Amino acid sequence: MNTSDLKLDLINRIAQLKEAGIVEEIQNLLDFELDQNEYILNEAQKERVAEAREEYKNKAYLTEDKANQDIEEWLGEK
């Protein structure tokens, strides 16, 4: 199926939906994916981003490997 066929199939399937909640979820997903606007952060979010940058600069974070190791150790204790 090419992209045009997929889009038409999706349109037809959405048109058949009776549950408003599912349609709203699809709309939310599309709004998120297609939004080209810059995201505006509130003050609390800006502060948290600044904190996270500072933590990163100070290497106060877990690597994925270390996090996985900690999880494995924790699961092993159970």
PDB file of N, CA and C in Angstrom:
ATOM      1  N   MET A   1       0.841  -1.173   0.000  1.00  0.00           N
ATOM      2  CA  MET A   1       0.000   0.000   0.000  1.00  0.00           C
ATOM      3  C   MET A   1       0.892   1.244   0.000  1.00  0.00           C
ATOM      4  N   ASN A   2       0.628   2.184  -0.894  1.00  0.00           N
ATOM      5  CA  ASN A   2       1.420   3.410  -0.907  1.00  0.00           C
ATOM      6  C   ASN A   2       0.833   4.413   0.096  1.00  0.00           C
ATOM      7  N   THR A   3       1.496   5.540   0.232  1.00  0.00           N
ATOM      8  CA  THR A   3       1.080   6.526   1.229  1.00  0.00           C
ATOM      9  C   THR A   3      -0.333   7.037   0.984  1.00  0.00           C
ATOM     10  N   SER A   4      -0.671   7.294  -0.262  1.00  0.00           N
ATOM     11  CA  SER A   4      -2.024   7.783  -0.574  1.00  0.00           C
ATOM     12  C   SER A   4      -3.084   6.767  -0.176  1.00  0.00           C
ATOM     13  N   ASP A   5      -2.820   5.502  -0.460  1.00  0.00           N
ATOM     14  CA  ASP A   5      -3.766   4.445  -0.085  1.00  0.00           C
ATOM     15  C   ASP A   5      -3.902   4.343   1.432  1.00  0.00           C
ATOM     16  N   LEU A   6      -2.778   4.460   2.128  1.00  0.00           N
ATOM     17  CA  LEU A   6      -2.812   4.392   3.590  1.00  0.00           C
ATOM     18  C   LEU A   6      -3.635   5.541   4.169  1.00  0.00           C
ATOM     19  N   LYS A   7      -3.447   6.731   3.614  1.00  0.00           N
ATOM     20  CA  LYS A   7      -4.201   7.890   4.099  1.00  0.00           C
ATOM     21  C   LYS A   7      -5.697   7.703   3.874  1.00  0.00           C
ATOM     22  N   LEU A   8      -6.067   7.244   2.701  1.00  0.00           N
ATOM     23  CA  LEU A   8      -7.487   7.018   2.406  1.00  0.00           C
ATOM     24  C   LEU A   8      -8.079   5.957   3.323  1.00  0.00           C
ATOM     25  N   ASP A   9      -7.321   4.892   3.551  1.00  0.00           N
ATOM     26  CA  ASP A   9      -7.784   3.837   4.451  1.00  0.00           C
ATOM     27  C   ASP A   9      -7.981   4.393   5.855  1.00  0.00           C
ATOM     28  N   LEU A  10      -7.035   5.198   6.305  1.00  0.00           N
ATOM     29  CA  LEU A  10      -7.127   5.796   7.634  1.00  0.00           C
ATOM     30  C   LEU A  10      -8.336   6.724   7.742  1.00  0.00           C
ATOM     31  N   ILE A  11      -8.553   7.543   6.726  1.00  0.00           N
ATOM     32  CA  ILE A  11      -9.714   8.441   6.712  1.00  0.00           C
ATOM     33  C   ILE A  11     -11.006   7.637   6.815  1.00  0.00           C
ATOM     34  N   ASN A  12     -11.107   6.586   6.038  1.00  0.00           N
ATOM     35  CA  ASN A  12     -12.314   5.747   6.064  1.00  0.00           C
ATOM     36  C   ASN A  12     -12.525   5.089   7.420  1.00  0.00           C
ATOM     37  N   ARG A  13     -11.448   4.617   8.006  1.00  0.00           N
ATOM     38  CA  ARG A  13     -11.568   3.949   9.301  1.00  0.00           C
ATOM     39  C   ARG A  13     -11.944   4.933  10.397  1.00  0.00           C
ATOM     40  N   ILE A  14     -11.366   6.139  10.346  1.00  0.00           N
ATOM     41  CA  ILE A  14     -11.713   7.160  11.336  1.00  0.00           C
ATOM     42  C   ILE A  14     -13.180   7.552  11.191  1.00  0.00           C
ATOM     43  N   ALA A  15     -13.645   7.671   9.962  1.00  0.00           N
ATOM     44  CA  ALA A  15     -15.045   8.045   9.712  1.00  0.00           C
ATOM     45  C   ALA A  15     -16.009   7.018  10.298  1.00  0.00           C
ATOM     46  N   GLN A  16     -15.589   5.787  10.429  1.00  0.00           N
ATOM     47  CA  GLN A  16     -16.453   4.729  10.955  1.00  0.00           C
ATOM     48  C   GLN A  16     -16.455   4.660  12.482  1.00  0.00           C
ATOM     49  N   LEU A  17     -15.519   5.351  13.123  1.00  0.00           N
ATOM     50  CA  LEU A  17     -15.441   5.299  14.580  1.00  0.00           C
ATOM     51  C   LEU A  17     -16.668   5.928  15.215  1.00  0.00           C
ATOM     52  N   LYS A  18     -17.144   5.287  16.260  1.00  0.00           N
ATOM     53  CA  LYS A  18     -18.292   5.801  16.987  1.00  0.00           C
ATOM     54  C   LYS A  18     -17.888   6.362  18.354  1.00  0.00           C
ATOM     55  N   GLU A  19     -16.748   5.961  18.838  1.00  0.00           N
ATOM     56  CA  GLU A  19     -16.269   6.375  20.151  1.00  0.00           C
ATOM     57  C   GLU A  19     -15.524   7.710  20.038  1.00  0.00           C
ATOM     58  N   ALA A  20     -16.096   8.758  20.637  1.00  0.00           N
ATOM     59  CA  ALA A  20     -15.509  10.101  20.554  1.00  0.00           C
ATOM     60  C   ALA A  20     -14.118  10.148  21.183  1.00  0.00           C
ATOM     61  N   GLY A  21     -13.911   9.381  22.231  1.00  0.00           N
ATOM     62  CA  GLY A  21     -12.617   9.387  22.913  1.00  0.00           C
ATOM     63  C   GLY A  21     -11.479   8.954  22.011  1.00  0.00           C
ATOM     64  N   ILE A  22     -11.728   7.971  21.173  1.00  0.00           N
ATOM     65  CA  ILE A  22     -10.696   7.490  20.252  1.00  0.00           C
ATOM     66  C   ILE A  22     -10.389   8.557  19.213  1.00  0.00           C
ATOM     67  N   VAL A  23     -11.423   9.212  18.708  1.00  0.00           N
ATOM     68  CA  VAL A  23     -11.226  10.284  17.727  1.00  0.00           C
ATOM     69  C   VAL A  23     -10.423  11.420  18.360  1.00  0.00           C
ATOM     70  N   GLU A  24     -10.727  11.750  19.612  1.00  0.00           N
ATOM     71  CA  GLU A  24      -9.988  12.799  20.312  1.00  0.00           C
ATOM     72  C   GLU A  24      -8.525  12.416  20.484  1.00  0.00           C
ATOM     73  N   GLU A  25      -8.256  11.159  20.799  1.00  0.00           N
ATOM     74  CA  GLU A  25      -6.871  10.706  20.943  1.00  0.00           C
ATOM     75  C   GLU A  25      -6.118  10.804  19.622  1.00  0.00           C
ATOM     76  N   ILE A  26      -6.772  10.446  18.542  1.00  0.00           N
ATOM     77  CA  ILE A  26      -6.158  10.567  17.215  1.00  0.00           C
ATOM     78  C   ILE A  26      -5.864  12.034  16.928  1.00  0.00           C
ATOM     79  N   GLN A  27      -6.818  12.904  17.252  1.00  0.00           N
ATOM     80  CA  GLN A  27      -6.622  14.332  17.037  1.00  0.00           C
ATOM     81  C   GLN A  27      -5.454  14.850  17.873  1.00  0.00           C
ATOM     82  N   ASN A  28      -5.353  14.428  19.123  1.00  0.00           N
ATOM     83  CA  ASN A  28      -4.244  14.839  19.983  1.00  0.00           C
ATOM     84  C   ASN A  28      -2.910  14.400  19.400  1.00  0.00           C
ATOM     85  N   LEU A  29      -2.848  13.174  18.915  1.00  0.00           N
ATOM     86  CA  LEU A  29      -1.618  12.667  18.311  1.00  0.00           C
ATOM     87  C   LEU A  29      -1.235  13.493  17.092  1.00  0.00           C
ATOM     88  N   LEU A  30      -2.205  13.758  16.232  1.00  0.00           N
ATOM     89  CA  LEU A  30      -1.927  14.550  15.034  1.00  0.00           C
ATOM     90  C   LEU A  30      -1.540  15.978  15.392  1.00  0.00           C
ATOM     91  N   ASP A  31      -2.220  16.571  16.354  1.00  0.00           N
ATOM     92  CA  ASP A  31      -1.865  17.925  16.789  1.00  0.00           C
ATOM     93  C   ASP A  31      -0.424  17.967  17.272  1.00  0.00           C
ATOM     94  N   PHE A  32      -0.027  16.961  18.044  1.00  0.00           N
ATOM     95  CA  PHE A  32       1.337  16.901  18.565  1.00  0.00           C
ATOM     96  C   PHE A  32       2.342  16.719  17.436  1.00  0.00           C
ATOM     97  N   GLU A  33       2.075  15.790  16.535  1.00  0.00           N
ATOM     98  CA  GLU A  33       3.013  15.473  15.461  1.00  0.00           C
ATOM     99  C   GLU A  33       3.133  16.585  14.428  1.00  0.00           C
ATOM    100  N   LEU A  34       2.059  17.310  14.177  1.00  0.00           N
ATOM    101  CA  LEU A  34       2.052  18.312  13.114  1.00  0.00           C
ATOM    102  C   LEU A  34       2.313  19.730  13.616  1.00  0.00           C
ATOM    103  N   ASP A  35       2.430  19.905  14.914  1.00  0.00           N
ATOM    104  CA  ASP A  35       2.627  21.237  15.478  1.00  0.00           C
ATOM    105  C   ASP A  35       4.002  21.763  15.092  1.00  0.00           C
ATOM    106  N   GLN A  36       4.022  22.856  14.362  1.00  0.00           N
ATOM    107  CA  GLN A  36       5.272  23.466  13.921  1.00  0.00           C
ATOM    108  C   GLN A  36       5.648  24.664  14.790  1.00  0.00           C
ATOM    109  N   ASN A  37       4.822  24.990  15.756  1.00  0.00           N
ATOM    110  CA  ASN A  37       5.068  26.150  16.603  1.00  0.00           C
ATOM    111  C   ASN A  37       6.098  25.837  17.670  1.00  0.00           C
ATOM    112  N   GLU A  38       6.744  26.872  18.129  1.00  0.00           N
ATOM    113  CA  GLU A  38       7.704  26.735  19.213  1.00  0.00           C
ATOM    114  C   GLU A  38       6.937  26.487  20.507  1.00  0.00           C
ATOM    115  N   TYR A  39       7.411  25.562  21.315  1.00  0.00           N
ATOM    116  CA  TYR A  39       6.749  25.245  22.569  1.00  0.00           C
ATOM    117  C   TYR A  39       7.138  26.292  23.605  1.00  0.00           C
ATOM    118  N   ILE A  40       6.179  26.874  24.264  1.00  0.00           N
ATOM    119  CA  ILE A  40       6.417  27.903  25.269  1.00  0.00           C
ATOM    120  C   ILE A  40       6.409  27.249  26.650  1.00  0.00           C
ATOM    121  N   LEU A  41       7.504  27.430  27.379  1.00  0.00           N
ATOM    122  CA  LEU A  41       7.625  26.861  28.716  1.00  0.00           C
ATOM    123  C   LEU A  41       7.162  27.863  29.758  1.00  0.00           C
ATOM    124  N   ASN A  42       6.534  27.355  30.816  1.00  0.00           N
ATOM    125  CA  ASN A  42       6.201  28.240  31.929  1.00  0.00           C
ATOM    126  C   ASN A  42       7.433  28.361  32.830  1.00  0.00           C
ATOM    127  N   GLU A  43       7.351  29.193  33.849  1.00  0.00           N
ATOM    128  CA  GLU A  43       8.519  29.454  34.700  1.00  0.00           C
ATOM    129  C   GLU A  43       9.015  28.192  35.407  1.00  0.00           C
ATOM    130  N   ALA A  44       8.107  27.373  35.912  1.00  0.00           N
ATOM    131  CA  ALA A  44       8.511  26.139  36.593  1.00  0.00           C
ATOM    132  C   ALA A  44       9.253  25.211  35.636  1.00  0.00           C
ATOM    133  N   GLN A  45       8.781  25.124  34.402  1.00  0.00           N
ATOM    134  CA  GLN A  45       9.442  24.277  33.408  1.00  0.00           C
ATOM    135  C   GLN A  45      10.822  24.825  33.061  1.00  0.00           C
ATOM    136  N   LYS A  46      10.920  26.151  32.921  1.00  0.00           N
ATOM    137  CA  LYS A  46      12.218  26.774  32.630  1.00  0.00           C
ATOM    138  C   LYS A  46      13.212  26.504  33.749  1.00  0.00           C
ATOM    139  N   GLU A  47      12.739  26.597  34.993  1.00  0.00           N
ATOM    140  CA  GLU A  47      13.602  26.322  36.143  1.00  0.00           C
ATOM    141  C   GLU A  47      14.070  24.875  36.128  1.00  0.00           C
ATOM    142  N   ARG A  48      13.174  23.959  35.818  1.00  0.00           N
ATOM    143  CA  ARG A  48      13.547  22.539  35.795  1.00  0.00           C
ATOM    144  C   ARG A  48      14.550  22.254  34.694  1.00  0.00           C
ATOM    145  N   VAL A  49      14.390  22.897  33.531  1.00  0.00           N
ATOM    146  CA  VAL A  49      15.352  22.731  32.438  1.00  0.00           C
ATOM    147  C   VAL A  49      16.714  23.255  32.876  1.00  0.00           C
ATOM    148  N   ALA A  50      16.736  24.403  33.546  1.00  0.00           N
ATOM    149  CA  ALA A  50      18.001  24.966  34.033  1.00  0.00           C
ATOM    150  C   ALA A  50      18.654  24.022  35.041  1.00  0.00           C
ATOM    151  N   GLU A  51      17.849  23.448  35.940  1.00  0.00           N
ATOM    152  CA  GLU A  51      18.372  22.479  36.911  1.00  0.00           C
ATOM    153  C   GLU A  51      18.954  21.261  36.203  1.00  0.00           C
ATOM    154  N   ALA A  52      18.239  20.764  35.218  1.00  0.00           N
ATOM    155  CA  ALA A  52      18.703  19.580  34.489  1.00  0.00           C
ATOM    156  C   ALA A  52      20.005  19.866  33.756  1.00  0.00           C
ATOM    157  N   ARG A  53      20.122  21.043  33.170  1.00  0.00           N
ATOM    158  CA  ARG A  53      21.371  21.408  32.491  1.00  0.00           C
ATOM    159  C   ARG A  53      22.527  21.465  33.477  1.00  0.00           C
ATOM    160  N   GLU A  54      22.252  22.009  34.656  1.00  0.00           N
ATOM    161  CA  GLU A  54      23.287  22.091  35.685  1.00  0.00           C
ATOM    162  C   GLU A  54      23.686  20.686  36.151  1.00  0.00           C
ATOM    163  N   GLU A  55      22.712  19.813  36.344  1.00  0.00           N
ATOM    164  CA  GLU A  55      23.001  18.427  36.722  1.00  0.00           C
ATOM    165  C   GLU A  55      23.856  17.752  35.661  1.00  0.00           C
ATOM    166  N   TYR A  56      23.523  17.980  34.413  1.00  0.00           N
ATOM    167  CA  TYR A  56      24.286  17.380  33.315  1.00  0.00           C
ATOM    168  C   TYR A  56      25.712  17.912  33.309  1.00  0.00           C
ATOM    169  N   LYS A  57      25.843  19.219  33.490  1.00  0.00           N
ATOM    170  CA  LYS A  57      27.167  19.835  33.500  1.00  0.00           C
ATOM    171  C   LYS A  57      28.019  19.246  34.627  1.00  0.00           C
ATOM    172  N   ASN A  58      27.389  18.966  35.771  1.00  0.00           N
ATOM    173  CA  ASN A  58      28.089  18.413  36.934  1.00  0.00           C
ATOM    174  C   ASN A  58      28.140  16.887  36.919  1.00  0.00           C
ATOM    175  N   LYS A  59      27.711  16.291  35.825  1.00  0.00           N
ATOM    176  CA  LYS A  59      27.689  14.832  35.659  1.00  0.00           C
ATOM    177  C   LYS A  59      26.881  14.143  36.754  1.00  0.00           C
ATOM    178  N   ALA A  60      25.812  14.803  37.197  1.00  0.00           N
ATOM    179  CA  ALA A  60      24.938  14.255  38.232  1.00  0.00           C
ATOM    180  C   ALA A  60      23.770  13.535  37.570  1.00  0.00           C
ATOM    181  N   TYR A  61      24.093  12.489  36.864  1.00  0.00           N
ATOM    182  CA  TYR A  61      23.081  11.716  36.153  1.00  0.00           C
ATOM    183  C   TYR A  61      23.557  10.277  36.051  1.00  0.00           C
ATOM    184  N   LEU A  62      22.630   9.385  35.725  1.00  0.00           N
ATOM    185  CA  LEU A  62      22.962   7.982  35.505  1.00  0.00           C
ATOM    186  C   LEU A  62      23.068   7.725  34.010  1.00  0.00           C
ATOM    187  N   THR A  63      24.070   6.959  33.634  1.00  0.00           N
ATOM    188  CA  THR A  63      24.107   6.499  32.249  1.00  0.00           C
ATOM    189  C   THR A  63      23.067   5.391  32.109  1.00  0.00           C
ATOM    190  N   GLU A  64      22.725   5.081  30.893  1.00  0.00           N
ATOM    191  CA  GLU A  64      21.757   4.004  30.670  1.00  0.00           C
ATOM    192  C   GLU A  64      22.292   2.694  31.239  1.00  0.00           C
ATOM    193  N   ASP A  65      23.587   2.433  31.023  1.00  0.00           N
ATOM    194  CA  ASP A  65      24.184   1.197  31.534  1.00  0.00           C
ATOM    195  C   ASP A  65      24.114   1.133  33.059  1.00  0.00           C
ATOM    196  N   LYS A  66      24.439   2.248  33.726  1.00  0.00           N
ATOM    197  CA  LYS A  66      24.408   2.276  35.183  1.00  0.00           C
ATOM    198  C   LYS A  66      22.976   2.116  35.696  1.00  0.00           C
ATOM    199  N   ALA A  67      22.024   2.768  35.041  1.00  0.00           N
ATOM    200  CA  ALA A  67      20.620   2.636  35.444  1.00  0.00           C
ATOM    201  C   ALA A  67      20.159   1.193  35.295  1.00  0.00           C
ATOM    202  N   ASN A  68      20.520   0.566  34.181  1.00  0.00           N
ATOM    203  CA  ASN A  68      20.150  -0.839  33.968  1.00  0.00           C
ATOM    204  C   ASN A  68      20.799  -1.740  35.009  1.00  0.00           C
ATOM    205  N   GLN A  69      22.053  -1.455  35.344  1.00  0.00           N
ATOM    206  CA  GLN A  69      22.754  -2.238  36.361  1.00  0.00           C
ATOM    207  C   GLN A  69      22.046  -2.095  37.711  1.00  0.00           C
ATOM    208  N   ASP A  70      21.683  -0.868  38.078  1.00  0.00           N
ATOM    209  CA  ASP A  70      20.972  -0.642  39.335  1.00  0.00           C
ATOM    210  C   ASP A  70      19.638  -1.383  39.357  1.00  0.00           C
ATOM    211  N   ILE A  71      18.937  -1.365  38.251  1.00  0.00           N
ATOM    212  CA  ILE A  71      17.648  -2.064  38.164  1.00  0.00           C
ATOM    213  C   ILE A  71      17.843  -3.563  38.321  1.00  0.00           C
ATOM    214  N   GLU A  72      18.842  -4.109  37.645  1.00  0.00           N
ATOM    215  CA  GLU A  72      19.112  -5.547  37.754  1.00  0.00           C
ATOM    216  C   GLU A  72      19.461  -5.930  39.185  1.00  0.00           C
ATOM    217  N   GLU A  73      20.258  -5.098  39.853  1.00  0.00           N
ATOM    218  CA  GLU A  73      20.607  -5.373  41.246  1.00  0.00           C
ATOM    219  C   GLU A  73      19.359  -5.318  42.129  1.00  0.00           C
ATOM    220  N   TRP A  74      18.512  -4.324  41.901  1.00  0.00           N
ATOM    221  CA  TRP A  74      17.298  -4.176  42.686  1.00  0.00           C
ATOM    222  C   TRP A  74      16.369  -5.366  42.477  1.00  0.00           C
ATOM    223  N   LEU A  75      16.228  -5.788  41.223  1.00  0.00           N
ATOM    224  CA  LEU A  75      15.370  -6.938  40.930  1.00  0.00           C
ATOM    225  C   LEU A  75      15.942  -8.220  41.522  1.00  0.00           C
ATOM    226  N   GLY A  76      17.261  -8.310  41.586  1.00  0.00           N
ATOM    227  CA  GLY A  76      17.901  -9.487  42.152  1.00  0.00           C
ATOM    228  C   GLY A  76      17.691  -9.599  43.647  1.00  0.00           C
ATOM    229  N   GLU A  77      17.463  -8.472  44.300  1.00  0.00           N
ATOM    230  CA  GLU A  77      17.239  -8.461  45.743  1.00  0.00           C
ATOM    231  C   GLU A  77      15.837  -8.927  46.111  1.00  0.00           C
ATOM    232  N   LYS A  78      14.915  -8.906  45.181  1.00  0.00           N
ATOM    233  CA  LYS A  78      13.518  -9.260  45.455  1.00  0.00           C
ATOM    234  C   LYS A  78      13.344 -10.751  45.580  1.00  0.00           C
TER     235      LYS A  78
END
